[in-house]
């Protein structure tokens, strides 16, 4: 056998080890699931060498190298979508993975990956409503902008995705997961949500030490108890800016989910909760910094040997 070809298996082994190492490092603090961390460096890692399994309720969308600004004007509420479904013809495009789509979906929805929509020329003149898991919706608003720029006539995004559809009692084909665990954010998902200025964060008193880590204009400290839902909605209204999601940050999971249920009944804005504590946030931030630092260093050359 030619000497050149005898070296290939070892080189491939070394390359495989390098890829595995990058993916492993990226999963630090995230249970090995790369999809729950998102920074420019992380997106580069994901798009080039790493693959991850879908999360239980929905995976993150792949980002283009220049994703552009999100277009929140694309958002429509659950109520607006149900009205459109009654009054006219439109296509609901579910961008979640085929496995999640097969588990449950809106009747009549199309399952098309986000990265494949640009190639669907037959949909350019049709009204489209994009839906995802309900977490990290900012990526769908970026996709909406890119589709408009590509010539798609009418594209909207269901605010809160399948999460709000389930929370509001929308009918589906299949068996959706329970709403409470589906709305709960991991620390990595919380960091993703922090990057979207239209999100509204509500910190409980025990979490106020995190106040400076969130956009100042969107942080409100609220009282506990039965008056919490009304207080949250007043704080959202006081911002004079439409909120993409209400994200409640505390430490009492049982009480929080009960309050989130009460709040969700009063608004079409999706309600998400984080209850894993301050240390989980700090660990996730440290993991992100480590990933960014590792990507800023030039790669080590891999030497093939016999």
C-alpha atoms as a PDB file:
ATOM      1  CA  UNK A   1       0.000   0.000   0.000  1.00  0.00           C
ATOM      2  CA  UNK A   2       1.207   3.513  -0.793  1.00  0.00           C
ATOM      3  CA  UNK A   3       2.870   5.164   2.242  1.00  0.00           C
ATOM      4  CA  UNK A   4       0.602   8.208   1.924  1.00  0.00           C
ATOM      5  CA  UNK A   5      -2.556   6.162   2.396  1.00  0.00           C
ATOM      6  CA  UNK A   6      -1.207   4.218   5.375  1.00  0.00           C
ATOM      7  CA  UNK A   7      -1.042   7.530   7.297  1.00  0.00           C
ATOM      8  CA  UNK A   8      -4.682   8.439   6.715  1.00  0.00           C
ATOM      9  CA  UNK A   9      -6.301   6.302   9.464  1.00  0.00           C
ATOM     10  CA  UNK A  10      -4.058   7.827  12.131  1.00  0.00           C
ATOM     11  CA  UNK A  11      -4.668  11.365  10.864  1.00  0.00           C
ATOM     12  CA  UNK A  12      -8.414  10.760  10.912  1.00  0.00           C
ATOM     13  CA  UNK A  13      -8.141   9.390  14.439  1.00  0.00           C
ATOM     14  CA  UNK A  14      -6.297  12.519  15.547  1.00  0.00           C
ATOM     15  CA  UNK A  15      -8.868  14.755  13.852  1.00  0.00           C
ATOM     16  CA  UNK A  16     -11.690  12.807  15.512  1.00  0.00           C
ATOM     17  CA  UNK A  17     -10.054  13.256  18.891  1.00  0.00           C
ATOM     18  CA  UNK A  18      -9.694  16.992  18.281  1.00  0.00           C
ATOM     19  CA  UNK A  19     -13.372  17.332  17.329  1.00  0.00           C
ATOM     20  CA  UNK A  20     -14.469  15.286  20.330  1.00  0.00           C
ATOM     21  CA  UNK A  21     -12.338  17.425  22.606  1.00  0.00           C
ATOM     22  CA  UNK A  22     -13.843  20.658  21.313  1.00  0.00           C
ATOM     23  CA  UNK A  23     -17.369  19.323  21.691  1.00  0.00           C
ATOM     24  CA  UNK A  24     -16.594  18.060  25.170  1.00  0.00           C
ATOM     25  CA  UNK A  25     -15.174  21.416  26.207  1.00  0.00           C
ATOM     26  CA  UNK A  26     -18.173  23.199  24.771  1.00  0.00           C
ATOM     27  CA  UNK A  27     -20.495  21.029  26.830  1.00  0.00           C
ATOM     28  CA  UNK A  28     -18.785  21.930  30.107  1.00  0.00           C
ATOM     29  CA  UNK A  29     -21.384  22.945  32.631  1.00  0.00           C
ATOM     30  CA  UNK A  30     -24.184  22.069  30.236  1.00  0.00           C
ATOM     31  CA  UNK A  31     -24.447  18.362  30.760  1.00  0.00           C
ATOM     32  CA  UNK A  32     -22.562  17.829  27.519  1.00  0.00           C
ATOM     33  CA  UNK A  33     -25.353  19.369  25.480  1.00  0.00           C
ATOM     34  CA  UNK A  34     -23.776  21.915  23.174  1.00  0.00           C
ATOM     35  CA  UNK A  35     -27.092  23.284  22.028  1.00  0.00           C
ATOM     36  CA  UNK A  36     -27.731  25.074  25.346  1.00  0.00           C
ATOM     37  CA  UNK A  37     -24.798  27.512  25.038  1.00  0.00           C
ATOM     38  CA  UNK A  38     -24.718  30.245  22.433  1.00  0.00           C
ATOM     39  CA  UNK A  39     -22.046  32.838  21.804  1.00  0.00           C
ATOM     40  CA  UNK A  40     -20.395  33.868  18.537  1.00  0.00           C
ATOM     41  CA  UNK A  41     -17.553  31.495  19.388  1.00  0.00           C
ATOM     42  CA  UNK A  42     -19.976  28.723  20.240  1.00  0.00           C
ATOM     43  CA  UNK A  43     -21.842  29.149  16.967  1.00  0.00           C
ATOM     44  CA  UNK A  44     -18.581  28.758  15.083  1.00  0.00           C
ATOM     45  CA  UNK A  45     -17.836  25.549  16.949  1.00  0.00           C
ATOM     46  CA  UNK A  46     -21.307  24.169  16.366  1.00  0.00           C
ATOM     47  CA  UNK A  47     -21.439  24.956  12.674  1.00  0.00           C
ATOM     48  CA  UNK A  48     -18.051  23.443  11.906  1.00  0.00           C
ATOM     49  CA  UNK A  49     -17.397  20.408  14.039  1.00  0.00           C
ATOM     50  CA  UNK A  50     -20.027  19.625  16.682  1.00  0.00           C
ATOM     51  CA  UNK A  51     -23.391  17.929  16.632  1.00  0.00           C
ATOM     52  CA  UNK A  52     -25.765  17.568  19.565  1.00  0.00           C
ATOM     53  CA  UNK A  53     -28.996  15.758  20.351  1.00  0.00           C
ATOM     54  CA  UNK A  54     -32.218  17.750  20.488  1.00  0.00           C
ATOM     55  CA  UNK A  55     -33.424  18.978  23.832  1.00  0.00           C
ATOM     56  CA  UNK A  56     -36.644  17.524  25.183  1.00  0.00           C
ATOM     57  CA  UNK A  57     -38.898  20.353  23.945  1.00  0.00           C
ATOM     58  CA  UNK A  58     -36.897  21.994  21.175  1.00  0.00           C
ATOM     59  CA  UNK A  59     -33.441  22.537  19.750  1.00  0.00           C
ATOM     60  CA  UNK A  60     -31.754  25.826  18.982  1.00  0.00           C
ATOM     61  CA  UNK A  61     -31.696  26.984  15.387  1.00  0.00           C
ATOM     62  CA  UNK A  62     -28.412  27.123  13.485  1.00  0.00           C
ATOM     63  CA  UNK A  63     -27.081  30.638  13.021  1.00  0.00           C
ATOM     64  CA  UNK A  64     -25.729  32.100   9.818  1.00  0.00           C
ATOM     65  CA  UNK A  65     -22.244  33.648  10.084  1.00  0.00           C
ATOM     66  CA  UNK A  66     -23.916  37.074   9.873  1.00  0.00           C
ATOM     67  CA  UNK A  67     -27.291  36.454  11.458  1.00  0.00           C
ATOM     68  CA  UNK A  68     -28.295  40.107  11.525  1.00  0.00           C
ATOM     69  CA  UNK A  69     -30.618  41.861  13.917  1.00  0.00           C
ATOM     70  CA  UNK A  70     -33.816  40.122  15.013  1.00  0.00           C
ATOM     71  CA  UNK A  71     -37.062  41.555  13.663  1.00  0.00           C
ATOM     72  CA  UNK A  72     -39.517  41.502  16.548  1.00  0.00           C
ATOM     73  CA  UNK A  73     -42.198  43.050  14.345  1.00  0.00           C
ATOM     74  CA  UNK A  74     -42.588  39.506  12.971  1.00  0.00           C
ATOM     75  CA  UNK A  75     -44.155  38.357  16.248  1.00  0.00           C
ATOM     76  CA  UNK A  76     -47.811  37.371  16.465  1.00  0.00           C
ATOM     77  CA  UNK A  77     -49.539  36.139  19.617  1.00  0.00           C
ATOM     78  CA  UNK A  78     -51.406  32.910  20.213  1.00  0.00           C
ATOM     79  CA  UNK A  79     -54.708  34.804  19.971  1.00  0.00           C
ATOM     80  CA  UNK A  80     -53.730  36.445  16.685  1.00  0.00           C
ATOM     81  CA  UNK A  81     -52.704  33.089  15.199  1.00  0.00           C
ATOM     82  CA  UNK A  82     -55.983  31.413  16.145  1.00  0.00           C
ATOM     83  CA  UNK A  83     -57.854  34.307  14.510  1.00  0.00           C
ATOM     84  CA  UNK A  84     -55.803  33.961  11.322  1.00  0.00           C
ATOM     85  CA  UNK A  85     -56.422  30.227  11.231  1.00  0.00           C
ATOM     86  CA  UNK A  86     -60.168  30.859  11.309  1.00  0.00           C
ATOM     87  CA  UNK A  87     -60.168  33.648   8.759  1.00  0.00           C
ATOM     88  CA  UNK A  88     -57.793  32.513   6.025  1.00  0.00           C
ATOM     89  CA  UNK A  89     -55.248  30.182   4.516  1.00  0.00           C
ATOM     90  CA  UNK A  90     -51.707  30.116   5.853  1.00  0.00           C
ATOM     91  CA  UNK A  91     -48.878  27.674   6.420  1.00  0.00           C
ATOM     92  CA  UNK A  92     -47.570  26.977   9.907  1.00  0.00           C
ATOM     93  CA  UNK A  93     -43.905  26.011   9.567  1.00  0.00           C
ATOM     94  CA  UNK A  94     -42.572  24.062  12.542  1.00  0.00           C
ATOM     95  CA  UNK A  95     -38.759  24.287  12.502  1.00  0.00           C
ATOM     96  CA  UNK A  96     -38.159  21.783  15.308  1.00  0.00           C
ATOM     97  CA  UNK A  97     -36.461  18.470  14.615  1.00  0.00           C
ATOM     98  CA  UNK A  98     -38.446  15.664  12.921  1.00  0.00           C
ATOM     99  CA  UNK A  99     -38.407  13.619  16.130  1.00  0.00           C
ATOM    100  CA  UNK A 100     -39.957  16.424  18.169  1.00  0.00           C
ATOM    101  CA  UNK A 101     -42.416  17.201  15.390  1.00  0.00           C
ATOM    102  CA  UNK A 102     -43.499  13.560  15.337  1.00  0.00           C
ATOM    103  CA  UNK A 103     -44.044  13.657  19.101  1.00  0.00           C
ATOM    104  CA  UNK A 104     -46.568  16.486  18.780  1.00  0.00           C
ATOM    105  CA  UNK A 105     -47.404  19.324  16.407  1.00  0.00           C
ATOM    106  CA  UNK A 106     -50.185  21.622  15.289  1.00  0.00           C
ATOM    107  CA  UNK A 107     -52.509  19.911  12.856  1.00  0.00           C
ATOM    108  CA  UNK A 108     -51.561  20.791   9.278  1.00  0.00           C
ATOM    109  CA  UNK A 109     -48.145  22.225  10.174  1.00  0.00           C
ATOM    110  CA  UNK A 110     -45.199  21.703   7.831  1.00  0.00           C
ATOM    111  CA  UNK A 111     -41.953  20.418   9.330  1.00  0.00           C
ATOM    112  CA  UNK A 112     -39.117  22.234   7.561  1.00  0.00           C
ATOM    113  CA  UNK A 113     -35.668  22.868   9.009  1.00  0.00           C
ATOM    114  CA  UNK A 114     -34.776  26.537   9.402  1.00  0.00           C
ATOM    115  CA  UNK A 115     -31.786  26.197   7.108  1.00  0.00           C
ATOM    116  CA  UNK A 116     -33.911  24.750   4.301  1.00  0.00           C
ATOM    117  CA  UNK A 117     -36.632  27.395   4.120  1.00  0.00           C
ATOM    118  CA  UNK A 118     -34.749  29.681   1.732  1.00  0.00           C
ATOM    119  CA  UNK A 119     -34.796  26.922  -0.889  1.00  0.00           C
ATOM    120  CA  UNK A 120     -38.592  26.483  -0.717  1.00  0.00           C
ATOM    121  CA  UNK A 121     -39.464  28.867  -3.553  1.00  0.00           C
ATOM    122  CA  UNK A 122     -43.033  27.532  -3.724  1.00  0.00           C
ATOM    123  CA  UNK A 123     -43.656  29.071  -0.269  1.00  0.00           C
ATOM    124  CA  UNK A 124     -42.469  32.591  -1.112  1.00  0.00           C
ATOM    125  CA  UNK A 125     -45.917  33.923  -1.948  1.00  0.00           C
ATOM    126  CA  UNK A 126     -47.737  32.137   0.883  1.00  0.00           C
ATOM    127  CA  UNK A 127     -48.365  33.545   4.376  1.00  0.00           C
ATOM    128  CA  UNK A 128     -46.043  31.670   6.736  1.00  0.00           C
ATOM    129  CA  UNK A 129     -46.045  31.455  10.531  1.00  0.00           C
ATOM    130  CA  UNK A 130     -42.844  30.063  12.016  1.00  0.00           C
ATOM    131  CA  UNK A 131     -42.950  28.159  15.289  1.00  0.00           C
ATOM    132  CA  UNK A 132     -40.219  26.615  17.392  1.00  0.00           C
ATOM    133  CA  UNK A 133     -39.898  25.322  20.914  1.00  0.00           C
ATOM    134  CA  UNK A 134     -40.732  28.641  22.579  1.00  0.00           C
ATOM    135  CA  UNK A 135     -37.248  29.163  23.978  1.00  0.00           C
ATOM    136  CA  UNK A 136     -34.632  31.455  22.428  1.00  0.00           C
ATOM    137  CA  UNK A 137     -37.200  32.853  19.985  1.00  0.00           C
ATOM    138  CA  UNK A 138     -34.696  35.534  18.990  1.00  0.00           C
ATOM    139  CA  UNK A 139     -33.303  33.120  16.416  1.00  0.00           C
ATOM    140  CA  UNK A 140     -36.706  32.835  14.750  1.00  0.00           C
ATOM    141  CA  UNK A 141     -36.966  36.634  14.561  1.00  0.00           C
ATOM    142  CA  UNK A 142     -33.585  36.701  12.821  1.00  0.00           C
ATOM    143  CA  UNK A 143     -34.756  33.986  10.447  1.00  0.00           C
ATOM    144  CA  UNK A 144     -37.907  35.992   9.723  1.00  0.00           C
ATOM    145  CA  UNK A 145     -35.799  39.000   8.735  1.00  0.00           C
ATOM    146  CA  UNK A 146     -33.607  36.884   6.447  1.00  0.00           C
ATOM    147  CA  UNK A 147     -36.645  35.359   4.739  1.00  0.00           C
ATOM    148  CA  UNK A 148     -38.148  38.791   4.134  1.00  0.00           C
ATOM    149  CA  UNK A 149     -34.835  39.930   2.670  1.00  0.00           C
ATOM    150  CA  UNK A 150     -34.847  36.834   0.434  1.00  0.00           C
ATOM    151  CA  UNK A 151     -38.194  37.779  -1.073  1.00  0.00           C
ATOM    152  CA  UNK A 152     -40.718  35.881   1.056  1.00  0.00           C
ATOM    153  CA  UNK A 153     -43.963  37.837   0.952  1.00  0.00           C
ATOM    154  CA  UNK A 154     -45.430  37.280   4.428  1.00  0.00           C
ATOM    155  CA  UNK A 155     -43.562  35.703   7.353  1.00  0.00           C
ATOM    156  CA  UNK A 156     -44.574  35.827  11.022  1.00  0.00           C
ATOM    157  CA  UNK A 157     -43.341  34.137  14.190  1.00  0.00           C
ATOM    158  CA  UNK A 158     -45.614  32.591  16.800  1.00  0.00           C
ATOM    159  CA  UNK A 159     -44.456  34.327  19.988  1.00  0.00           C
ATOM    160  CA  UNK A 160     -43.650  31.567  22.467  1.00  0.00           C
ATOM    161  CA  UNK A 161     -43.876  28.786  19.894  1.00  0.00           C
ATOM    162  CA  UNK A 162     -45.142  25.375  20.905  1.00  0.00           C
ATOM    163  CA  UNK A 163     -44.730  26.285  24.555  1.00  0.00           C
ATOM    164  CA  UNK A 164     -47.401  29.008  24.430  1.00  0.00           C
ATOM    165  CA  UNK A 165     -49.560  26.858  22.135  1.00  0.00           C
ATOM    166  CA  UNK A 166     -49.594  24.117  24.772  1.00  0.00           C
ATOM    167  CA  UNK A 167     -49.978  26.489  27.731  1.00  0.00           C
ATOM    168  CA  UNK A 168     -53.037  28.079  26.118  1.00  0.00           C
ATOM    169  CA  UNK A 169     -54.636  24.720  25.368  1.00  0.00           C
ATOM    170  CA  UNK A 170     -54.110  24.694  21.611  1.00  0.00           C
ATOM    171  CA  UNK A 171     -54.975  21.355  20.033  1.00  0.00           C
ATOM    172  CA  UNK A 172     -52.158  19.186  18.703  1.00  0.00           C
ATOM    173  CA  UNK A 173     -51.604  15.854  17.060  1.00  0.00           C
ATOM    174  CA  UNK A 174     -49.546  13.601  19.325  1.00  0.00           C
ATOM    175  CA  UNK A 175     -48.617  13.852  22.984  1.00  0.00           C
ATOM    176  CA  UNK A 176     -46.965  17.099  24.163  1.00  0.00           C
ATOM    177  CA  UNK A 177     -44.871  17.206  27.348  1.00  0.00           C
ATOM    178  CA  UNK A 178     -46.189  18.854  30.497  1.00  0.00           C
ATOM    179  CA  UNK A 179     -46.046  22.661  30.404  1.00  0.00           C
ATOM    180  CA  UNK A 180     -44.243  23.209  33.739  1.00  0.00           C
ATOM    181  CA  UNK A 181     -40.970  21.403  32.929  1.00  0.00           C
ATOM    182  CA  UNK A 182     -41.099  22.685  29.346  1.00  0.00           C
ATOM    183  CA  UNK A 183     -41.071  26.341  30.447  1.00  0.00           C
ATOM    184  CA  UNK A 184     -38.153  25.864  32.852  1.00  0.00           C
ATOM    185  CA  UNK A 185     -34.822  27.243  31.639  1.00  0.00           C
ATOM    186  CA  UNK A 186     -31.388  25.830  32.290  1.00  0.00           C
ATOM    187  CA  UNK A 187     -28.610  28.264  33.204  1.00  0.00           C
ATOM    188  CA  UNK A 188     -27.280  28.112  29.637  1.00  0.00           C
ATOM    189  CA  UNK A 189     -30.733  28.825  28.189  1.00  0.00           C
ATOM    190  CA  UNK A 190     -31.080  31.768  30.590  1.00  0.00           C
ATOM    191  CA  UNK A 191     -27.852  33.239  29.211  1.00  0.00           C
ATOM    192  CA  UNK A 192     -29.288  32.941  25.702  1.00  0.00           C
ATOM    193  CA  UNK A 193     -32.457  34.753  26.714  1.00  0.00           C
ATOM    194  CA  UNK A 194     -30.407  37.506  28.368  1.00  0.00           C
ATOM    195  CA  UNK A 195     -29.084  38.564  24.959  1.00  0.00           C
ATOM    196  CA  UNK A 196     -32.519  39.584  23.641  1.00  0.00           C
ATOM    197  CA  UNK A 197     -33.452  43.126  24.693  1.00  0.00           C
ATOM    198  CA  UNK A 198     -37.190  42.500  24.285  1.00  0.00           C
ATOM    199  CA  UNK A 199     -37.251  39.935  27.091  1.00  0.00           C
ATOM    200  CA  UNK A 200     -38.549  41.069  30.475  1.00  0.00           C
ATOM    201  CA  UNK A 201     -36.802  39.654  33.556  1.00  0.00           C
ATOM    202  CA  UNK A 202     -38.375  39.389  36.985  1.00  0.00           C
ATOM    203  CA  UNK A 203     -35.963  38.720  39.854  1.00  0.00           C
ATOM    204  CA  UNK A 204     -37.159  37.493  43.210  1.00  0.00           C
ATOM    205  CA  UNK A 205     -35.513  39.101  46.287  1.00  0.00           C
ATOM    206  CA  UNK A 206     -33.101  36.209  46.836  1.00  0.00           C
ATOM    207  CA  UNK A 207     -31.774  36.636  43.287  1.00  0.00           C
ATOM    208  CA  UNK A 208     -31.192  40.396  43.307  1.00  0.00           C
ATOM    209  CA  UNK A 209     -27.405  39.920  43.415  1.00  0.00           C
ATOM    210  CA  UNK A 210     -27.755  38.962  39.706  1.00  0.00           C
ATOM    211  CA  UNK A 211     -29.395  42.291  38.856  1.00  0.00           C
ATOM    212  CA  UNK A 212     -26.330  43.808  37.189  1.00  0.00           C
ATOM    213  CA  UNK A 213     -25.991  40.773  34.892  1.00  0.00           C
ATOM    214  CA  UNK A 214     -29.214  41.588  33.047  1.00  0.00           C
ATOM    215  CA  UNK A 215     -30.239  44.578  30.909  1.00  0.00           C
ATOM    216  CA  UNK A 216     -31.076  47.223  33.532  1.00  0.00           C
ATOM    217  CA  UNK A 217     -34.224  48.488  31.845  1.00  0.00           C
ATOM    218  CA  UNK A 218     -35.815  45.052  31.819  1.00  0.00           C
ATOM    219  CA  UNK A 219     -35.220  43.942  35.429  1.00  0.00           C
ATOM    220  CA  UNK A 220     -37.909  44.222  38.053  1.00  0.00           C
ATOM    221  CA  UNK A 221     -37.843  42.963  41.630  1.00  0.00           C
ATOM    222  CA  UNK A 222     -41.303  41.846  42.614  1.00  0.00           C
ATOM    223  CA  UNK A 223     -43.091  40.804  45.781  1.00  0.00           C
ATOM    224  CA  UNK A 224     -44.176  37.242  46.323  1.00  0.00           C
ATOM    225  CA  UNK A 225     -47.690  35.959  46.737  1.00  0.00           C
ATOM    226  CA  UNK A 226     -51.013  36.164  44.942  1.00  0.00           C
ATOM    227  CA  UNK A 227     -50.344  39.691  43.736  1.00  0.00           C
ATOM    228  CA  UNK A 228     -47.264  38.649  41.767  1.00  0.00           C
ATOM    229  CA  UNK A 229     -48.922  38.108  38.337  1.00  0.00           C
ATOM    230  CA  UNK A 230     -50.591  41.529  38.423  1.00  0.00           C
ATOM    231  CA  UNK A 231     -47.367  43.195  39.596  1.00  0.00           C
ATOM    232  CA  UNK A 232     -45.399  41.562  36.782  1.00  0.00           C
ATOM    233  CA  UNK A 233     -47.886  42.681  34.132  1.00  0.00           C
ATOM    234  CA  UNK A 234     -47.779  46.244  35.492  1.00  0.00           C
ATOM    235  CA  UNK A 235     -43.993  46.250  35.241  1.00  0.00           C
ATOM    236  CA  UNK A 236     -44.174  44.964  31.659  1.00  0.00           C
ATOM    237  CA  UNK A 237     -46.635  47.714  30.734  1.00  0.00           C
ATOM    238  CA  UNK A 238     -44.435  50.341  32.381  1.00  0.00           C
ATOM    239  CA  UNK A 239     -41.552  49.532  30.017  1.00  0.00           C
ATOM    240  CA  UNK A 240     -43.521  50.913  27.046  1.00  0.00           C
ATOM    241  CA  UNK A 241     -42.000  48.180  24.920  1.00  0.00           C
ATOM    242  CA  UNK A 242     -43.635  44.979  23.841  1.00  0.00           C
ATOM    243  CA  UNK A 243     -42.074  42.032  25.679  1.00  0.00           C
ATOM    244  CA  UNK A 244     -41.029  38.901  23.808  1.00  0.00           C
ATOM    245  CA  UNK A 245     -41.051  36.756  26.944  1.00  0.00           C
ATOM    246  CA  UNK A 246     -41.434  37.176  30.698  1.00  0.00           C
ATOM    247  CA  UNK A 247     -38.647  35.351  32.490  1.00  0.00           C
ATOM    248  CA  UNK A 248     -39.089  34.780  36.221  1.00  0.00           C
ATOM    249  CA  UNK A 249     -35.888  34.119  38.165  1.00  0.00           C
ATOM    250  CA  UNK A 250     -36.063  32.636  41.657  1.00  0.00           C
ATOM    251  CA  UNK A 251     -35.319  29.526  43.696  1.00  0.00           C
ATOM    252  CA  UNK A 252     -38.668  28.033  44.757  1.00  0.00           C
ATOM    253  CA  UNK A 253     -39.660  25.792  41.860  1.00  0.00           C
ATOM    254  CA  UNK A 254     -43.050  24.673  43.186  1.00  0.00           C
ATOM    255  CA  UNK A 255     -44.273  28.171  44.055  1.00  0.00           C
ATOM    256  CA  UNK A 256     -42.792  29.645  40.899  1.00  0.00           C
ATOM    257  CA  UNK A 257     -44.563  27.266  38.543  1.00  0.00           C
ATOM    258  CA  UNK A 258     -47.864  27.934  40.283  1.00  0.00           C
ATOM    259  CA  UNK A 259     -47.347  31.690  39.868  1.00  0.00           C
ATOM    260  CA  UNK A 260     -46.244  31.201  36.253  1.00  0.00           C
ATOM    261  CA  UNK A 261     -49.462  29.303  35.532  1.00  0.00           C
ATOM    262  CA  UNK A 262     -51.529  32.132  37.024  1.00  0.00           C
ATOM    263  CA  UNK A 263     -49.565  34.726  35.053  1.00  0.00           C
ATOM    264  CA  UNK A 264     -49.819  32.812  31.765  1.00  0.00           C
ATOM    265  CA  UNK A 265     -53.607  32.740  32.043  1.00  0.00           C
ATOM    266  CA  UNK A 266     -53.617  36.543  31.968  1.00  0.00           C
ATOM    267  CA  UNK A 267     -51.287  37.173  29.025  1.00  0.00           C
ATOM    268  CA  UNK A 268     -50.278  35.902  25.601  1.00  0.00           C
ATOM    269  CA  UNK A 269     -46.654  36.731  26.400  1.00  0.00           C
ATOM    270  CA  UNK A 270     -44.833  33.431  27.004  1.00  0.00           C
ATOM    271  CA  UNK A 271     -43.744  32.913  30.614  1.00  0.00           C
ATOM    272  CA  UNK A 272     -40.449  31.128  31.289  1.00  0.00           C
ATOM    273  CA  UNK A 273     -38.890  30.347  34.671  1.00  0.00           C
ATOM    274  CA  UNK A 274     -35.409  29.761  36.046  1.00  0.00           C
ATOM    275  CA  UNK A 275     -35.064  28.130  39.474  1.00  0.00           C
ATOM    276  CA  UNK A 276     -31.576  26.578  39.505  1.00  0.00           C
ATOM    277  CA  UNK A 277     -29.959  29.281  41.634  1.00  0.00           C
ATOM    278  CA  UNK A 278     -27.156  31.824  41.369  1.00  0.00           C
ATOM    279  CA  UNK A 279     -24.312  29.302  41.345  1.00  0.00           C
ATOM    280  CA  UNK A 280     -25.667  27.626  38.213  1.00  0.00           C
ATOM    281  CA  UNK A 281     -25.634  30.984  36.401  1.00  0.00           C
ATOM    282  CA  UNK A 282     -22.068  31.691  37.510  1.00  0.00           C
ATOM    283  CA  UNK A 283     -20.899  28.238  36.366  1.00  0.00           C
ATOM    284  CA  UNK A 284     -22.562  28.670  32.968  1.00  0.00           C
ATOM    285  CA  UNK A 285     -20.933  32.070  32.512  1.00  0.00           C
ATOM    286  CA  UNK A 286     -17.530  30.611  33.432  1.00  0.00           C
ATOM    287  CA  UNK A 287     -18.039  27.853  30.861  1.00  0.00           C
ATOM    288  CA  UNK A 288     -18.859  30.415  28.166  1.00  0.00           C
ATOM    289  CA  UNK A 289     -15.778  32.465  29.000  1.00  0.00           C
ATOM    290  CA  UNK A 290     -13.616  29.351  28.796  1.00  0.00           C
ATOM    291  CA  UNK A 291     -15.024  28.483  25.374  1.00  0.00           C
ATOM    292  CA  UNK A 292     -14.475  32.006  24.065  1.00  0.00           C
ATOM    293  CA  UNK A 293     -10.918  32.003  25.405  1.00  0.00           C
ATOM    294  CA  UNK A 294     -10.177  28.645  23.799  1.00  0.00           C
ATOM    295  CA  UNK A 295     -11.460  29.853  20.444  1.00  0.00           C
ATOM    296  CA  UNK A 296      -9.344  33.018  20.591  1.00  0.00           C
ATOM    297  CA  UNK A 297      -6.156  30.944  20.660  1.00  0.00           C
ATOM    298  CA  UNK A 298      -4.760  29.679  17.340  1.00  0.00           C
ATOM    299  CA  UNK A 299      -5.343  25.932  16.809  1.00  0.00           C
ATOM    300  CA  UNK A 300      -2.482  23.591  17.493  1.00  0.00           C
ATOM    301  CA  UNK A 301      -1.169  21.898  14.346  1.00  0.00           C
ATOM    302  CA  UNK A 302      -1.906  18.191  14.247  1.00  0.00           C
ATOM    303  CA  UNK A 303       1.043  16.039  13.263  1.00  0.00           C
ATOM    304  CA  UNK A 304       0.459  12.676  11.646  1.00  0.00           C
ATOM    305  CA  UNK A 305       2.978   9.978  12.435  1.00  0.00           C
ATOM    306  CA  UNK A 306       3.365   6.414  11.332  1.00  0.00           C
END
